[in-house]
């Protein structure tokens, strides 16, 4: 599949002009992850969006997120988080990153506290 970096660059310019979003840890948001290199997690299709879980805040402009995937591929760094927007989802801990809150588009909901605690324990073991 050919990646459309030019189209993403135009959307990225629009995103940069937006206002930062208010967020809370444990929230799941549709996030503009764009088009990335190689095995880095991309947003999907026309909107460049992917659901992402906020696992830590860094003030009003940035937060640490973990992208979610619906892939059934089994891996120790893919933690089940239940159903998100009607589909079974997993947190892809190998793709944790800091993003500007202007990438956050629409809040989907909150992750269950117990699942979030387990996910954070697994994430801490990475470092």
N, C-alpha and C. Protein backbone atom coordinates (compact mmCIF):
# COMPACT_ATOMS: atom_id res chain seq x y z
N UNK A 1 0.83 -1.18 0.00
CA UNK A 1 0.00 0.00 0.00
C UNK A 1 0.88 1.25 0.00
N UNK A 2 0.58 2.15 -0.91
CA UNK A 2 1.33 3.41 -1.01
C UNK A 2 0.81 4.39 0.04
N UNK A 3 1.73 5.01 0.75
CA UNK A 3 1.35 5.98 1.77
C UNK A 3 1.28 7.38 1.17
N UNK A 4 0.24 8.12 1.51
CA UNK A 4 0.02 9.46 0.96
C UNK A 4 0.54 10.52 1.94
N UNK A 5 1.85 10.72 1.92
CA UNK A 5 2.48 11.68 2.83
C UNK A 5 2.04 13.11 2.53
N UNK A 6 1.81 13.42 1.26
CA UNK A 6 1.42 14.78 0.89
C UNK A 6 0.04 15.14 1.46
N UNK A 7 -0.89 14.20 1.35
CA UNK A 7 -2.24 14.45 1.90
C UNK A 7 -2.17 14.61 3.42
N UNK A 8 -1.35 13.78 4.07
CA UNK A 8 -1.19 13.91 5.53
C UNK A 8 -0.57 15.26 5.88
N UNK A 9 0.38 15.72 5.10
CA UNK A 9 1.01 17.01 5.39
C UNK A 9 -0.01 18.14 5.38
N UNK A 10 -0.97 18.10 4.45
CA UNK A 10 -2.02 19.12 4.42
C UNK A 10 -2.90 19.03 5.68
N UNK A 11 -3.28 17.81 6.06
CA UNK A 11 -4.10 17.62 7.27
C UNK A 11 -3.32 18.04 8.52
N UNK A 12 -2.03 17.79 8.53
CA UNK A 12 -1.19 18.17 9.67
C UNK A 12 -1.14 19.69 9.82
N UNK A 13 -1.10 20.42 8.72
CA UNK A 13 -1.13 21.88 8.78
C UNK A 13 -2.44 22.37 9.41
N UNK A 14 -3.56 21.75 9.01
CA UNK A 14 -4.86 22.10 9.58
C UNK A 14 -4.88 21.80 11.08
N UNK A 15 -4.36 20.64 11.45
CA UNK A 15 -4.34 20.22 12.85
C UNK A 15 -3.51 21.18 13.69
N UNK A 16 -2.38 21.61 13.17
CA UNK A 16 -1.51 22.53 13.88
C UNK A 16 -2.19 23.86 14.19
N UNK A 17 -3.14 24.27 13.36
CA UNK A 17 -3.84 25.55 13.54
C UNK A 17 -4.97 25.46 14.57
N UNK A 18 -5.31 24.25 15.02
CA UNK A 18 -6.41 24.08 15.98
C UNK A 18 -5.96 24.41 17.40
N UNK A 19 -6.95 24.50 18.30
CA UNK A 19 -6.69 24.76 19.71
C UNK A 19 -6.41 23.46 20.45
N UNK A 20 -5.56 23.51 21.50
CA UNK A 20 -5.33 22.31 22.31
C UNK A 20 -6.65 21.81 22.91
N UNK A 21 -6.72 20.51 23.17
CA UNK A 21 -7.92 19.88 23.72
C UNK A 21 -7.74 19.62 25.22
N UNK A 22 -8.84 19.70 25.94
CA UNK A 22 -8.83 19.30 27.35
C UNK A 22 -9.03 17.79 27.40
N UNK A 23 -8.26 17.12 28.22
CA UNK A 23 -8.30 15.66 28.29
C UNK A 23 -8.10 15.21 29.73
N UNK A 24 -8.35 13.94 29.98
CA UNK A 24 -8.13 13.31 31.28
C UNK A 24 -7.47 11.96 31.04
N UNK A 25 -6.59 11.58 31.93
CA UNK A 25 -5.98 10.25 31.87
C UNK A 25 -7.08 9.20 31.91
N UNK A 26 -6.90 8.11 31.19
CA UNK A 26 -7.84 6.98 31.05
C UNK A 26 -8.86 7.20 29.95
N UNK A 27 -8.86 8.38 29.34
CA UNK A 27 -9.80 8.61 28.24
C UNK A 27 -9.27 7.96 26.96
N UNK A 28 -10.22 7.54 26.13
CA UNK A 28 -9.90 7.06 24.80
C UNK A 28 -10.40 8.11 23.82
N UNK A 29 -9.53 8.50 22.89
CA UNK A 29 -9.85 9.53 21.90
C UNK A 29 -9.54 9.02 20.51
N UNK A 30 -10.26 9.53 19.52
CA UNK A 30 -9.82 9.41 18.14
C UNK A 30 -8.69 10.42 18.01
N UNK A 31 -7.55 9.96 17.54
CA UNK A 31 -6.33 10.77 17.50
C UNK A 31 -5.76 10.78 16.09
N UNK A 32 -5.37 11.94 15.59
CA UNK A 32 -4.76 12.05 14.26
C UNK A 32 -3.29 11.64 14.35
N UNK A 33 -3.03 10.39 14.03
CA UNK A 33 -1.64 9.90 14.06
C UNK A 33 -0.95 10.05 12.72
N UNK A 34 -1.71 10.30 11.67
CA UNK A 34 -1.12 10.60 10.39
C UNK A 34 -0.53 9.41 9.67
N UNK A 35 0.41 9.71 8.77
CA UNK A 35 1.14 8.71 8.00
C UNK A 35 2.56 8.69 8.55
N UNK A 36 3.02 7.51 8.92
CA UNK A 36 4.33 7.39 9.54
C UNK A 36 5.23 6.44 8.76
N UNK A 37 6.43 6.28 9.23
CA UNK A 37 7.45 5.50 8.52
C UNK A 37 7.40 4.03 8.94
N UNK A 38 7.54 3.14 7.98
CA UNK A 38 7.69 1.70 8.24
C UNK A 38 6.62 1.12 9.13
N UNK A 39 7.05 0.52 10.25
CA UNK A 39 6.12 -0.18 11.15
C UNK A 39 5.51 0.73 12.21
N UNK A 40 5.80 2.03 12.17
CA UNK A 40 5.16 2.95 13.11
C UNK A 40 3.66 2.98 12.83
N UNK A 41 2.87 3.02 13.89
CA UNK A 41 1.41 2.99 13.75
C UNK A 41 0.91 4.24 13.05
N UNK A 42 0.11 4.03 12.01
CA UNK A 42 -0.50 5.13 11.25
C UNK A 42 -1.93 5.36 11.72
N UNK A 43 -2.45 6.52 11.37
CA UNK A 43 -3.89 6.71 11.42
C UNK A 43 -4.46 6.00 10.21
N UNK A 44 -5.76 5.87 10.11
CA UNK A 44 -6.30 5.11 8.99
C UNK A 44 -7.02 5.98 7.98
N UNK A 45 -6.94 5.58 6.76
CA UNK A 45 -7.69 6.08 5.62
C UNK A 45 -7.66 7.59 5.47
N UNK A 46 -8.80 8.16 5.12
CA UNK A 46 -8.90 9.58 4.76
C UNK A 46 -8.63 10.53 5.93
N UNK A 47 -9.04 10.15 7.11
CA UNK A 47 -8.98 11.08 8.25
C UNK A 47 -7.71 10.94 9.08
N UNK A 48 -6.91 9.91 8.81
CA UNK A 48 -5.66 9.65 9.52
C UNK A 48 -5.86 9.42 11.01
N UNK A 49 -7.04 8.91 11.37
CA UNK A 49 -7.40 8.72 12.77
C UNK A 49 -7.17 7.29 13.24
N UNK A 50 -6.89 7.16 14.53
CA UNK A 50 -6.78 5.88 15.21
C UNK A 50 -7.20 6.13 16.65
N UNK A 51 -7.91 5.18 17.27
CA UNK A 51 -8.22 5.37 18.69
C UNK A 51 -6.94 5.25 19.51
N UNK A 52 -6.86 6.06 20.54
CA UNK A 52 -5.68 6.07 21.40
C UNK A 52 -6.12 6.30 22.84
N UNK A 53 -5.41 5.67 23.75
CA UNK A 53 -5.66 5.79 25.19
C UNK A 53 -4.65 6.75 25.79
N UNK A 54 -5.13 7.71 26.56
CA UNK A 54 -4.23 8.65 27.25
C UNK A 54 -3.78 7.99 28.54
N UNK A 55 -2.46 7.78 28.66
CA UNK A 55 -1.94 7.11 29.86
C UNK A 55 -1.20 8.05 30.81
N UNK A 56 -0.90 9.27 30.34
CA UNK A 56 -0.27 10.26 31.22
C UNK A 56 -0.41 11.64 30.61
N UNK A 57 -0.61 12.62 31.45
CA UNK A 57 -0.68 14.00 30.98
C UNK A 57 0.61 14.74 31.23
N UNK A 58 0.93 15.68 30.35
CA UNK A 58 2.10 16.55 30.50
C UNK A 58 1.68 18.00 30.36
N UNK A 59 0.58 18.36 31.01
CA UNK A 59 0.08 19.73 30.92
C UNK A 59 -0.98 19.84 29.85
N UNK A 60 -1.38 21.07 29.54
CA UNK A 60 -2.51 21.28 28.63
C UNK A 60 -2.19 20.99 27.16
N UNK A 61 -0.91 20.92 26.80
CA UNK A 61 -0.55 20.81 25.39
C UNK A 61 -0.04 19.45 24.94
N UNK A 62 0.27 18.54 25.86
CA UNK A 62 0.85 17.26 25.47
C UNK A 62 0.43 16.15 26.42
N UNK A 63 0.37 14.95 25.87
CA UNK A 63 0.04 13.78 26.68
C UNK A 63 0.71 12.54 26.09
N UNK A 64 0.85 11.54 26.92
CA UNK A 64 1.41 10.26 26.50
C UNK A 64 0.24 9.35 26.14
N UNK A 65 0.28 8.81 24.92
CA UNK A 65 -0.82 7.96 24.46
C UNK A 65 -0.28 6.59 24.05
N UNK A 66 -1.18 5.64 24.04
CA UNK A 66 -0.89 4.34 23.45
C UNK A 66 -1.97 4.09 22.39
N UNK A 67 -1.54 3.92 21.12
CA UNK A 67 -2.52 3.66 20.07
C UNK A 67 -3.22 2.31 20.30
N UNK A 68 -4.46 2.23 19.88
CA UNK A 68 -5.22 0.99 19.98
C UNK A 68 -5.31 0.34 18.60
N UNK A 69 -5.40 -0.97 18.60
CA UNK A 69 -5.52 -1.73 17.36
C UNK A 69 -6.62 -2.78 17.50
N UNK A 70 -7.20 -3.14 16.39
CA UNK A 70 -8.18 -4.23 16.39
C UNK A 70 -7.56 -5.51 15.84
N UNK A 71 -6.28 -5.46 15.54
CA UNK A 71 -5.58 -6.64 15.03
C UNK A 71 -5.65 -7.77 16.06
N UNK A 72 -5.83 -8.98 15.59
CA UNK A 72 -5.90 -10.15 16.47
C UNK A 72 -4.53 -10.75 16.74
N UNK A 73 -3.51 -10.17 16.16
CA UNK A 73 -2.15 -10.68 16.35
C UNK A 73 -1.79 -10.70 17.84
N UNK A 74 -1.33 -11.86 18.30
CA UNK A 74 -0.98 -12.03 19.71
C UNK A 74 0.46 -11.57 19.93
N UNK A 75 0.65 -10.73 20.93
CA UNK A 75 1.99 -10.22 21.27
C UNK A 75 1.95 -9.76 22.72
N UNK A 76 3.04 -9.93 23.44
CA UNK A 76 3.08 -9.56 24.86
C UNK A 76 2.89 -8.07 25.09
N UNK A 77 3.11 -7.24 24.07
CA UNK A 77 2.94 -5.79 24.20
C UNK A 77 1.60 -5.30 23.66
N UNK A 78 0.70 -6.23 23.38
CA UNK A 78 -0.67 -5.88 22.96
C UNK A 78 -1.61 -6.36 24.06
N UNK A 79 -2.15 -5.40 24.79
CA UNK A 79 -2.98 -5.68 25.96
C UNK A 79 -4.45 -5.43 25.62
N UNK A 80 -5.29 -6.42 25.85
CA UNK A 80 -6.72 -6.27 25.57
C UNK A 80 -7.31 -5.19 26.46
N UNK A 81 -8.11 -4.31 25.85
CA UNK A 81 -8.78 -3.24 26.61
C UNK A 81 -10.29 -3.34 26.49
N UNK A 82 -10.78 -4.43 25.89
CA UNK A 82 -12.22 -4.61 25.74
C UNK A 82 -12.73 -4.00 24.44
N UNK A 83 -14.00 -3.65 24.44
CA UNK A 83 -14.65 -3.13 23.24
C UNK A 83 -14.53 -1.60 23.20
N UNK A 84 -14.09 -1.09 22.07
CA UNK A 84 -13.97 0.35 21.85
C UNK A 84 -14.69 0.67 20.55
N UNK A 85 -15.68 1.52 20.64
CA UNK A 85 -16.45 1.94 19.48
C UNK A 85 -16.99 0.72 18.71
N UNK A 86 -17.43 -0.29 19.48
CA UNK A 86 -18.07 -1.47 18.91
C UNK A 86 -17.13 -2.56 18.42
N UNK A 87 -15.82 -2.39 18.62
CA UNK A 87 -14.86 -3.40 18.15
C UNK A 87 -13.91 -3.79 19.28
N UNK A 88 -13.52 -5.07 19.30
CA UNK A 88 -12.56 -5.56 20.29
C UNK A 88 -11.21 -4.88 20.01
N UNK A 89 -10.60 -4.31 21.05
CA UNK A 89 -9.37 -3.53 20.86
C UNK A 89 -8.26 -3.98 21.80
N UNK A 90 -7.04 -3.69 21.36
CA UNK A 90 -5.85 -3.94 22.18
C UNK A 90 -4.97 -2.70 22.17
N UNK A 91 -4.36 -2.42 23.32
CA UNK A 91 -3.41 -1.32 23.41
C UNK A 91 -2.07 -1.83 22.88
N UNK A 92 -1.49 -1.10 21.95
CA UNK A 92 -0.23 -1.50 21.33
C UNK A 92 0.92 -0.77 22.03
N UNK A 93 1.42 -1.35 23.12
CA UNK A 93 2.41 -0.69 23.95
C UNK A 93 3.75 -0.44 23.25
N UNK A 94 4.02 -1.16 22.18
CA UNK A 94 5.26 -0.90 21.44
C UNK A 94 5.21 0.43 20.70
N UNK A 95 4.04 1.06 20.66
CA UNK A 95 3.87 2.31 19.92
C UNK A 95 3.56 3.52 20.82
N UNK A 96 3.87 3.43 22.10
CA UNK A 96 3.62 4.53 23.03
C UNK A 96 4.36 5.77 22.55
N UNK A 97 3.69 6.93 22.63
CA UNK A 97 4.34 8.18 22.21
C UNK A 97 3.68 9.40 22.85
N UNK A 98 4.42 10.48 22.85
CA UNK A 98 3.90 11.78 23.29
C UNK A 98 3.30 12.47 22.07
N UNK A 99 2.10 13.02 22.25
CA UNK A 99 1.47 13.78 21.17
C UNK A 99 0.98 15.13 21.70
N UNK A 100 0.90 16.08 20.82
CA UNK A 100 0.28 17.35 21.12
C UNK A 100 -1.23 17.12 21.21
N UNK A 101 -1.89 17.80 22.13
CA UNK A 101 -3.33 17.58 22.31
C UNK A 101 -4.17 18.06 21.12
N UNK A 102 -3.58 18.83 20.22
CA UNK A 102 -4.31 19.22 19.01
C UNK A 102 -4.57 18.02 18.09
N UNK A 103 -3.85 16.93 18.31
CA UNK A 103 -4.09 15.70 17.54
C UNK A 103 -5.36 14.98 18.01
N UNK A 104 -5.84 15.29 19.22
CA UNK A 104 -7.04 14.65 19.75
C UNK A 104 -8.26 15.24 19.06
N UNK A 105 -9.11 14.37 18.49
CA UNK A 105 -10.23 14.84 17.68
C UNK A 105 -11.56 14.69 18.40
N UNK A 106 -11.84 13.49 18.88
CA UNK A 106 -13.14 13.24 19.51
C UNK A 106 -12.98 12.18 20.60
N UNK A 107 -13.55 12.49 21.78
CA UNK A 107 -13.46 11.54 22.88
C UNK A 107 -14.43 10.39 22.64
N UNK A 108 -13.92 9.15 22.84
CA UNK A 108 -14.73 7.94 22.67
C UNK A 108 -15.31 7.51 24.01
N UNK A 109 -14.52 7.62 25.08
CA UNK A 109 -14.97 7.19 26.40
C UNK A 109 -13.81 7.00 27.35
N UNK A 110 -14.07 6.29 28.44
CA UNK A 110 -13.06 6.00 29.47
C UNK A 110 -12.74 4.52 29.48
N UNK A 111 -11.50 4.18 29.79
CA UNK A 111 -11.11 2.80 29.99
C UNK A 111 -11.39 2.41 31.44
N UNK A 112 -11.88 1.20 31.64
CA UNK A 112 -12.13 0.66 32.97
C UNK A 112 -10.89 0.81 33.87
N UNK A 113 -11.07 1.19 35.12
CA UNK A 113 -9.95 1.44 36.04
C UNK A 113 -9.06 0.23 36.23
N UNK A 114 -9.64 -0.97 36.38
CA UNK A 114 -8.84 -2.18 36.61
C UNK A 114 -7.99 -2.51 35.38
N UNK A 115 -8.57 -2.40 34.19
CA UNK A 115 -7.82 -2.65 32.96
C UNK A 115 -6.71 -1.62 32.81
N UNK A 116 -7.02 -0.37 33.13
CA UNK A 116 -6.01 0.70 33.04
C UNK A 116 -4.85 0.44 33.99
N UNK A 117 -5.13 0.01 35.21
CA UNK A 117 -4.07 -0.29 36.18
C UNK A 117 -3.17 -1.41 35.67
N UNK A 118 -3.75 -2.46 35.11
CA UNK A 118 -2.96 -3.56 34.57
C UNK A 118 -2.10 -3.09 33.39
N UNK A 119 -2.68 -2.28 32.54
CA UNK A 119 -1.95 -1.77 31.38
C UNK A 119 -0.76 -0.92 31.82
N UNK A 120 -0.96 -0.05 32.81
CA UNK A 120 0.14 0.79 33.30
C UNK A 120 1.25 -0.03 33.93
N UNK A 121 0.90 -1.11 34.64
CA UNK A 121 1.93 -1.99 35.21
C UNK A 121 2.78 -2.60 34.11
N UNK A 122 2.13 -3.07 33.07
CA UNK A 122 2.86 -3.65 31.94
C UNK A 122 3.73 -2.59 31.27
N UNK A 123 3.21 -1.39 31.09
CA UNK A 123 3.97 -0.31 30.45
C UNK A 123 5.20 0.06 31.28
N UNK A 124 5.07 0.09 32.59
CA UNK A 124 6.22 0.45 33.45
C UNK A 124 7.35 -0.55 33.31
N UNK A 125 7.04 -1.81 33.05
CA UNK A 125 8.07 -2.83 32.88
C UNK A 125 8.93 -2.59 31.64
N UNK A 126 8.41 -1.82 30.70
CA UNK A 126 9.17 -1.51 29.49
C UNK A 126 10.37 -0.61 29.77
N UNK A 127 10.28 0.17 30.83
CA UNK A 127 11.32 1.15 31.11
C UNK A 127 12.04 0.75 32.36
